[in-house]
Amino acid sequence: MRSYLHCILAETIKLRRQPLPLIHLLVPSAGAGIFLAFYAFTPYSPVSKALAYMQVLAAAYPVMIGIVCAIAADQEAAAGQYQQLLTQPSRLVPLAGKLTLLLGLGVGSSVLASAGFGSGFLYWLRQSPFELGFYLKAACILFASTVILYALHLYVGLRFGSGASIGLGVMESLLAALLLTGLGDRLWIYVPCAWAPRFITLWMQAGISEHPLPAELLFKQGILLSTAGTLLSMLLLGWWFCRWEGRLSHG
């Protein structure tokens, strides 16, 4: 436990030379501000505005994850070709420390993007049909649904480089938006990048409806698959990392 805490502290110190904190602060703030400014002049219903924002936020999240994981991987490559990760007595400890920091930044970004928008929608525009607690719960759903993407992009960033991580994030965002349509009604539970947009959509629909969600929407099945997939992704990432010898070893 002590070495794990030391790794988290070391990762925190590294943030002084990285743009990760600014990305997690400025991107969600700018996104929420742009939507609030747009919503101040649009005639759509408040429920439609809130749903559209959360869907766009969830669909765009893979791009940000791809970027931050790419930056984290590049930082390790620049600092001695991953030697700070690979030369530790237990490789899982530095990996867990880096992943913990990325997830912590992700939590903050999710809360800022969701609750920041909710606060402006509720107290500035005075249009929100939901209380602030609703947006905090939405942030939790958004983050929990994207944990698997952090594991995936950290693997891709370390193994294949930053370009692959960012490119994958762009493709995932496009696919997530596509699977929000009727095309994804039966497929979304098998596609991790579609989990956050679909969970957010179904959860908000359940909140404004007087009836339970129909079984054909696959909400419960999605929860089971996403939980199992997230746990499996963490195990596979740890298993792979313990056997990895650095990107140069693979050519």
Foldseek 3Di string as FASTA:
>chain_A
DVLLVVLLVVVVVCCVVPCLLVCLVVVLVVLLVVLLVVVLPDDDAQLVSLLVSQLLCLLLVLLSLLQVLQRVLVVCCVVPQVCVQQVDPQNVSNVVSVLVVVLVSLLSSLCCNQLVSVCCCCPPSVRHPDDSVVSNVLSVLSSLLCSLSNLVSNVCCFQPHSVRSNVVSVVLSVVLVVLVDPVVQPPQLVRSSVRSSLLSNQVSVCVVDPDHDDVSSVNVVSVVSSVVSSVVSVVVSSVVSNVDDGNVVVD
